[in-house]
């Protein structure tokens, strides 16, 4: 498999504050990566830097062999990077169907395919975004990102604050995306053990630096590493 994304000695932050330090990362086509770490260690900053909404201080971001460091977020999205931020950022005054079609780019992901993955959205296709539950809004945010037909999907805490039954539904959908559809992805997730079961590799951040990197299955087989870096609650 070819390299899809490569970060080289990446340092970034907000204003004059540096949050990430010398991060190296390589993601191949069709590969899913779990991005783990305690709160406040730089996970969201790393995803935000890939999409281009932070201040990149040093290093390079290569996507499909091209340096994207100077590209705007819109240009990176057009290049094939989909983003589901913590805030979801759906259009609350538009219907579910309008949310999906407003950003659609021609490709294999269509409205019908999104509805097949998330039947709840099909049932509510005429509802406004602000009429959806939190879980349904998250499904819509993921569906909208898929309508861009991305080559890489970035997900920031996709199950945060959701009911357990919705969490399980979303995790099943993500597993289908990663395993069956072969969509490359980077996922920030508090349910470390669950997300490790459906990703290929994982990295752990501490204070803006990569302190652990390896195969997801290896980390699952050595839970003491998760407990050391994440704590018992986060590793569960």
Foldseek 3Di string as FASTA:
>chain_A
DAWFKWWAQWWWAADPDIQAGGETDTFRQLFEEEEEFAPPNCSVVVVCQQLPPTGTDDTFMAGPRRTCNPPHSVVSLLVFEFEQDPVLPFQQAAFLQCSQVVQADDDDQDPVNLCVLPVVCVVRRRPGNVVDDPLVSLSSSVNNSCRSVGQEYEEEASCPPHDPVSVVSVLVSVLCCSPVVSRYYYYHHLQLLSVLVRGFKYFYGGSNYTPDIDGSVVCNVPVVVCCVGPNPNSPD
